[in-house]
C-alpha cells in the first residue's frame, strides 16, 4: 500500500473535520397524511378526523414503522415529544432519507380551533 499515508493534523484538517461532522448524512422530509371521509368537503372537518377506516390504517402501516413520538431518537419533522400533537406516528428511514409522517387521525383535535 504505497499510496497510503497518515493524515497530518492541523488547523485546516480540524476545521474540515468539524464541517464534515456537522454535515447531515440524510435528507429529512415530513409528509402530511390526511383521511377524508365520505361527503367531507370542509378543511375543518377533515382535519378534525380522529377515526379512520381499516384500509387507511393498513395503508399508513405500509409507509413505515410505528413511532412513539416521546421516545423516538430520529427525525420527528416538528412533532412535539411532549405529546401536544399526538403520541405516535409513522417513521421511515433508509441510507438516504428520514421521513416523519404527520397522520391527521393520530393527532389530537381541539374542536374549538378555527
N, C-alpha and C. Protein backbone atom coordinates (compact mmCIF):
# COMPACT_ATOMS: atom_id res chain seq x y z
N UNK A 1 0.84 -1.17 0.00
CA UNK A 1 0.00 0.00 0.00
C UNK A 1 0.89 1.24 0.00
N UNK A 2 1.51 1.47 -1.10
CA UNK A 2 2.42 2.60 -1.22
C UNK A 2 1.71 3.94 -1.18
N UNK A 3 0.42 4.00 -1.62
CA UNK A 3 -0.31 5.27 -1.68
C UNK A 3 -0.94 5.69 -0.37
N UNK A 4 -0.85 4.87 0.67
CA UNK A 4 -1.48 5.19 1.95
C UNK A 4 -0.47 5.89 2.84
N UNK A 5 -0.89 7.01 3.40
CA UNK A 5 -0.02 7.73 4.33
C UNK A 5 -0.87 8.36 5.42
N UNK A 6 -0.34 8.56 6.58
CA UNK A 6 -1.12 9.16 7.67
C UNK A 6 -1.46 10.62 7.36
N UNK A 7 -2.64 11.04 7.82
CA UNK A 7 -3.04 12.43 7.66
C UNK A 7 -2.31 13.29 8.68
N UNK A 8 -2.00 14.48 8.27
CA UNK A 8 -1.35 15.42 9.18
C UNK A 8 -2.42 16.27 9.85
N UNK A 9 -2.45 16.22 11.14
CA UNK A 9 -3.40 17.02 11.89
C UNK A 9 -2.93 18.47 11.87
N UNK A 10 -3.88 19.35 11.84
CA UNK A 10 -3.57 20.77 11.85
C UNK A 10 -4.85 21.56 11.83
N UNK A 11 -4.74 22.86 11.80
CA UNK A 11 -5.91 23.74 11.87
C UNK A 11 -6.85 23.51 10.69
N UNK A 12 -6.33 23.42 9.47
CA UNK A 12 -7.16 23.22 8.28
C UNK A 12 -7.86 21.85 8.33
N UNK A 13 -7.12 20.82 8.73
CA UNK A 13 -7.71 19.48 8.84
C UNK A 13 -8.80 19.46 9.91
N UNK A 14 -8.53 20.05 11.06
CA UNK A 14 -9.50 20.08 12.15
C UNK A 14 -10.78 20.82 11.74
N UNK A 15 -10.62 21.93 11.01
CA UNK A 15 -11.77 22.69 10.53
C UNK A 15 -12.58 21.85 9.54
N UNK A 16 -11.90 21.20 8.62
CA UNK A 16 -12.58 20.35 7.63
C UNK A 16 -13.32 19.22 8.31
N UNK A 17 -12.71 18.61 9.29
CA UNK A 17 -13.36 17.52 10.03
C UNK A 17 -14.57 18.03 10.80
N UNK A 18 -14.48 19.21 11.37
CA UNK A 18 -15.59 19.82 12.09
C UNK A 18 -16.77 20.07 11.15
N UNK A 19 -16.49 20.57 9.94
CA UNK A 19 -17.55 20.80 8.96
C UNK A 19 -18.18 19.48 8.54
N UNK A 20 -17.37 18.47 8.32
CA UNK A 20 -17.87 17.16 7.93
C UNK A 20 -18.77 16.57 9.02
N UNK A 21 -18.39 16.75 10.28
CA UNK A 21 -19.19 16.24 11.40
C UNK A 21 -20.57 16.89 11.46
N UNK A 22 -20.69 18.14 11.02
CA UNK A 22 -21.97 18.85 11.06
C UNK A 22 -22.82 18.61 9.81
N UNK A 23 -22.27 17.97 8.81
CA UNK A 23 -22.99 17.71 7.56
C UNK A 23 -24.01 16.60 7.79
N UNK A 24 -25.26 16.90 7.44
CA UNK A 24 -26.29 15.89 7.62
C UNK A 24 -26.12 14.81 6.57
N UNK A 25 -26.22 13.59 7.01
CA UNK A 25 -25.97 12.47 6.12
C UNK A 25 -27.20 12.05 5.33
N UNK A 26 -28.40 12.42 5.79
CA UNK A 26 -29.62 12.01 5.10
C UNK A 26 -30.55 13.21 4.93
N UNK A 27 -31.31 13.20 3.85
CA UNK A 27 -32.36 14.21 3.68
C UNK A 27 -33.48 13.91 4.64
N UNK A 28 -34.05 14.96 5.21
CA UNK A 28 -35.15 14.81 6.17
C UNK A 28 -36.41 15.41 5.55
N UNK A 29 -37.48 14.63 5.59
CA UNK A 29 -38.73 15.01 4.94
C UNK A 29 -39.89 14.76 5.90
N UNK A 30 -40.85 15.70 5.94
CA UNK A 30 -42.09 15.43 6.66
C UNK A 30 -43.22 15.45 5.66
N UNK A 31 -44.14 14.51 5.83
CA UNK A 31 -45.26 14.34 4.90
C UNK A 31 -46.55 14.25 5.71
N UNK A 32 -47.52 15.07 5.35
CA UNK A 32 -48.83 15.01 5.97
C UNK A 32 -49.69 13.95 5.29
N UNK A 33 -50.37 13.15 6.10
CA UNK A 33 -51.27 12.11 5.57
C UNK A 33 -52.67 12.42 6.12
N UNK A 34 -53.57 12.69 5.21
CA UNK A 34 -54.92 13.14 5.58
C UNK A 34 -55.93 12.06 5.23
N UNK A 35 -56.90 11.86 6.10
CA UNK A 35 -58.00 10.94 5.85
C UNK A 35 -59.27 11.76 5.62
N UNK A 36 -59.91 11.54 4.48
CA UNK A 36 -61.14 12.25 4.15
C UNK A 36 -62.29 11.24 4.11
N UNK A 37 -63.28 11.45 4.96
CA UNK A 37 -64.45 10.56 5.00
C UNK A 37 -65.41 10.93 3.88
N UNK A 38 -66.32 10.01 3.58
CA UNK A 38 -67.34 10.27 2.56
C UNK A 38 -68.07 11.58 2.87
N UNK A 39 -68.28 12.35 1.84
CA UNK A 39 -69.04 13.61 1.89
C UNK A 39 -68.37 14.72 2.69
N UNK A 40 -67.13 14.57 3.07
CA UNK A 40 -66.42 15.66 3.73
C UNK A 40 -65.82 16.58 2.67
N UNK A 41 -66.08 17.87 2.84
CA UNK A 41 -65.55 18.84 1.88
C UNK A 41 -64.84 20.01 2.56
N UNK A 42 -65.10 20.21 3.82
CA UNK A 42 -64.54 21.36 4.54
C UNK A 42 -63.24 20.98 5.24
N UNK A 43 -62.26 21.84 5.14
CA UNK A 43 -60.95 21.60 5.75
C UNK A 43 -61.07 21.35 7.25
N UNK A 44 -61.87 22.13 7.93
CA UNK A 44 -62.00 21.99 9.38
C UNK A 44 -62.49 20.60 9.77
N UNK A 45 -63.48 20.06 9.07
CA UNK A 45 -63.99 18.73 9.42
C UNK A 45 -63.00 17.63 9.03
N UNK A 46 -62.28 17.83 7.94
CA UNK A 46 -61.28 16.84 7.52
C UNK A 46 -60.14 16.77 8.53
N UNK A 47 -59.66 17.93 8.96
CA UNK A 47 -58.55 17.95 9.92
C UNK A 47 -58.98 17.54 11.32
N UNK A 48 -60.28 17.46 11.55
CA UNK A 48 -60.79 17.02 12.85
C UNK A 48 -61.01 15.51 12.91
N UNK A 49 -60.76 14.80 11.83
CA UNK A 49 -60.96 13.35 11.83
C UNK A 49 -60.04 12.69 12.86
N UNK A 50 -60.65 12.00 13.81
CA UNK A 50 -59.85 11.27 14.80
C UNK A 50 -60.12 9.76 14.71
N UNK A 51 -60.90 9.37 13.72
CA UNK A 51 -61.11 7.95 13.41
C UNK A 51 -60.89 7.77 11.91
N UNK A 52 -60.64 6.53 11.52
CA UNK A 52 -60.41 6.25 10.11
C UNK A 52 -60.75 4.79 9.83
N UNK A 53 -60.70 4.42 8.57
CA UNK A 53 -61.06 3.05 8.17
C UNK A 53 -59.89 2.08 8.39
N UNK A 54 -60.22 0.81 8.39
CA UNK A 54 -59.17 -0.22 8.49
C UNK A 54 -58.25 -0.16 7.29
N UNK A 55 -58.81 0.16 6.12
CA UNK A 55 -57.99 0.26 4.91
C UNK A 55 -56.98 1.39 5.02
N UNK A 56 -57.39 2.51 5.61
CA UNK A 56 -56.47 3.63 5.80
C UNK A 56 -55.36 3.24 6.76
N UNK A 57 -55.71 2.56 7.85
CA UNK A 57 -54.70 2.12 8.81
C UNK A 57 -53.71 1.16 8.16
N UNK A 58 -54.21 0.28 7.29
CA UNK A 58 -53.33 -0.63 6.56
C UNK A 58 -52.39 0.15 5.64
N UNK A 59 -52.93 1.13 4.93
CA UNK A 59 -52.13 1.97 4.05
C UNK A 59 -51.02 2.67 4.84
N UNK A 60 -51.39 3.29 5.95
CA UNK A 60 -50.42 4.02 6.76
C UNK A 60 -49.35 3.07 7.32
N UNK A 61 -49.74 1.88 7.71
CA UNK A 61 -48.77 0.94 8.28
C UNK A 61 -47.74 0.50 7.23
N UNK A 62 -48.08 0.61 5.96
CA UNK A 62 -47.15 0.26 4.89
C UNK A 62 -46.17 1.38 4.56
N UNK A 63 -46.39 2.56 5.12
CA UNK A 63 -45.50 3.69 4.84
C UNK A 63 -44.18 3.61 5.62
N UNK A 64 -44.20 2.96 6.77
CA UNK A 64 -43.00 2.88 7.60
C UNK A 64 -43.29 2.13 8.88
N UNK A 65 -42.49 2.44 9.89
CA UNK A 65 -42.60 1.78 11.19
C UNK A 65 -43.33 2.68 12.19
N UNK A 66 -44.06 2.08 13.13
CA UNK A 66 -44.68 2.88 14.19
C UNK A 66 -43.62 3.62 14.99
N UNK A 67 -43.94 4.82 15.40
CA UNK A 67 -43.01 5.65 16.15
C UNK A 67 -43.71 6.22 17.38
N UNK A 68 -43.10 6.05 18.55
CA UNK A 68 -43.55 6.72 19.75
C UNK A 68 -42.89 8.10 19.75
N UNK A 69 -43.68 9.13 19.61
CA UNK A 69 -43.14 10.49 19.45
C UNK A 69 -42.30 10.91 20.66
N UNK A 70 -42.68 10.48 21.85
CA UNK A 70 -41.97 10.89 23.06
C UNK A 70 -40.58 10.27 23.18
N UNK A 71 -40.39 9.08 22.66
CA UNK A 71 -39.12 8.38 22.86
C UNK A 71 -38.30 8.21 21.58
N UNK A 72 -38.84 8.61 20.45
CA UNK A 72 -38.14 8.43 19.17
C UNK A 72 -36.87 9.27 19.13
N UNK A 73 -35.76 8.67 18.73
CA UNK A 73 -34.47 9.38 18.70
C UNK A 73 -34.12 9.91 17.32
N UNK A 74 -34.89 9.57 16.30
CA UNK A 74 -34.62 10.05 14.95
C UNK A 74 -35.38 11.33 14.66
N UNK A 75 -35.51 11.61 13.39
CA UNK A 75 -36.18 12.81 12.91
C UNK A 75 -37.67 12.79 13.26
N UNK A 76 -38.17 13.89 13.80
CA UNK A 76 -39.58 13.99 14.18
C UNK A 76 -40.38 14.88 13.23
N UNK A 77 -39.72 15.65 12.40
CA UNK A 77 -40.44 16.51 11.46
C UNK A 77 -41.29 17.56 12.13
N UNK A 78 -40.90 18.00 13.31
CA UNK A 78 -41.66 19.03 14.02
C UNK A 78 -42.69 18.49 14.99
N UNK A 79 -42.86 17.17 15.05
CA UNK A 79 -43.78 16.61 16.04
C UNK A 79 -43.21 16.84 17.43
N UNK A 80 -44.05 17.24 18.36
CA UNK A 80 -43.63 17.62 19.70
C UNK A 80 -43.57 16.40 20.62
N UNK A 81 -42.39 16.07 21.16
CA UNK A 81 -42.27 14.91 22.04
C UNK A 81 -43.11 15.01 23.32
N UNK A 82 -43.57 16.21 23.67
CA UNK A 82 -44.38 16.34 24.88
C UNK A 82 -45.81 15.87 24.67
N UNK A 83 -46.17 15.52 23.42
CA UNK A 83 -47.48 14.94 23.17
C UNK A 83 -48.55 15.90 22.70
N UNK A 84 -48.22 17.16 22.47
CA UNK A 84 -49.24 18.12 22.05
C UNK A 84 -49.81 17.82 20.67
N UNK A 85 -49.07 17.08 19.86
CA UNK A 85 -49.55 16.74 18.51
C UNK A 85 -49.76 15.23 18.37
N UNK A 86 -49.92 14.56 19.48
CA UNK A 86 -50.16 13.12 19.46
C UNK A 86 -48.99 12.34 20.04
N UNK A 87 -49.25 11.08 20.33
CA UNK A 87 -48.23 10.25 20.99
C UNK A 87 -47.52 9.31 20.05
N UNK A 88 -48.10 9.06 18.89
CA UNK A 88 -47.48 8.12 17.96
C UNK A 88 -47.68 8.56 16.52
N UNK A 89 -46.83 8.06 15.66
CA UNK A 89 -46.92 8.36 14.25
C UNK A 89 -46.18 7.27 13.48
N UNK A 90 -45.80 7.58 12.25
CA UNK A 90 -45.11 6.63 11.38
C UNK A 90 -43.78 7.26 10.95
N UNK A 91 -42.74 6.43 10.90
CA UNK A 91 -41.40 6.88 10.55
C UNK A 91 -40.78 5.91 9.55
N UNK A 92 -40.08 6.46 8.58
CA UNK A 92 -39.37 5.65 7.60
C UNK A 92 -37.95 6.18 7.47
N UNK A 93 -36.99 5.28 7.33
CA UNK A 93 -35.63 5.72 7.06
C UNK A 93 -34.89 4.68 6.24
N UNK A 94 -33.97 5.17 5.45
CA UNK A 94 -33.01 4.31 4.74
C UNK A 94 -31.69 5.08 4.69
N UNK A 95 -30.76 4.66 3.87
CA UNK A 95 -29.44 5.28 3.85
C UNK A 95 -29.49 6.73 3.36
N UNK A 96 -30.58 7.11 2.66
CA UNK A 96 -30.64 8.43 2.05
C UNK A 96 -31.67 9.37 2.69
N UNK A 97 -32.73 8.81 3.27
CA UNK A 97 -33.85 9.63 3.76
C UNK A 97 -34.28 9.25 5.17
N UNK A 98 -34.79 10.27 5.88
CA UNK A 98 -35.56 10.08 7.11
C UNK A 98 -36.89 10.78 6.85
N UNK A 99 -37.98 10.06 7.04
CA UNK A 99 -39.31 10.61 6.77
C UNK A 99 -40.18 10.48 8.02
N UNK A 100 -40.73 11.60 8.46
CA UNK A 100 -41.70 11.60 9.55
C UNK A 100 -43.06 11.90 8.94
N UNK A 101 -44.01 11.03 9.17
CA UNK A 101 -45.36 11.21 8.66
C UNK A 101 -46.23 11.85 9.73
N UNK A 102 -46.93 12.93 9.37
CA UNK A 102 -47.90 13.56 10.26
C UNK A 102 -49.26 13.03 9.83
N UNK A 103 -49.78 12.08 10.57
CA UNK A 103 -51.03 11.39 10.21
C UNK A 103 -52.17 12.04 10.98
N UNK A 104 -53.05 12.72 10.27
CA UNK A 104 -54.09 13.53 10.91
C UNK A 104 -54.93 12.74 11.91
N UNK A 105 -55.43 11.55 11.60
CA UNK A 105 -56.24 10.85 12.60
C UNK A 105 -55.46 10.46 13.87
N UNK A 106 -54.14 10.48 13.83
CA UNK A 106 -53.34 10.16 15.02
C UNK A 106 -53.11 11.40 15.89
N UNK A 107 -53.49 12.57 15.38
CA UNK A 107 -53.21 13.82 16.07
C UNK A 107 -54.46 14.32 16.80
N UNK A 108 -54.28 14.85 18.01
CA UNK A 108 -55.44 15.34 18.75
C UNK A 108 -56.04 16.57 18.08
N UNK A 109 -57.34 16.74 18.26
CA UNK A 109 -58.05 17.87 17.66
C UNK A 109 -58.69 18.70 18.75
N UNK A 110 -58.51 20.00 18.65
CA UNK A 110 -59.24 20.92 19.51
C UNK A 110 -60.42 21.44 18.68
N UNK A 111 -61.62 20.97 18.97
CA UNK A 111 -62.78 21.31 18.16
C UNK A 111 -63.15 22.78 18.27
N UNK A 112 -62.51 23.52 19.17
CA UNK A 112 -62.76 24.96 19.28
C UNK A 112 -61.89 25.76 18.30
N UNK A 113 -60.85 25.09 17.74
CA UNK A 113 -59.97 25.78 16.80
C UNK A 113 -60.74 26.24 15.57
N UNK A 114 -60.40 27.40 15.12
CA UNK A 114 -61.00 27.91 13.88
C UNK A 114 -60.00 27.66 12.81
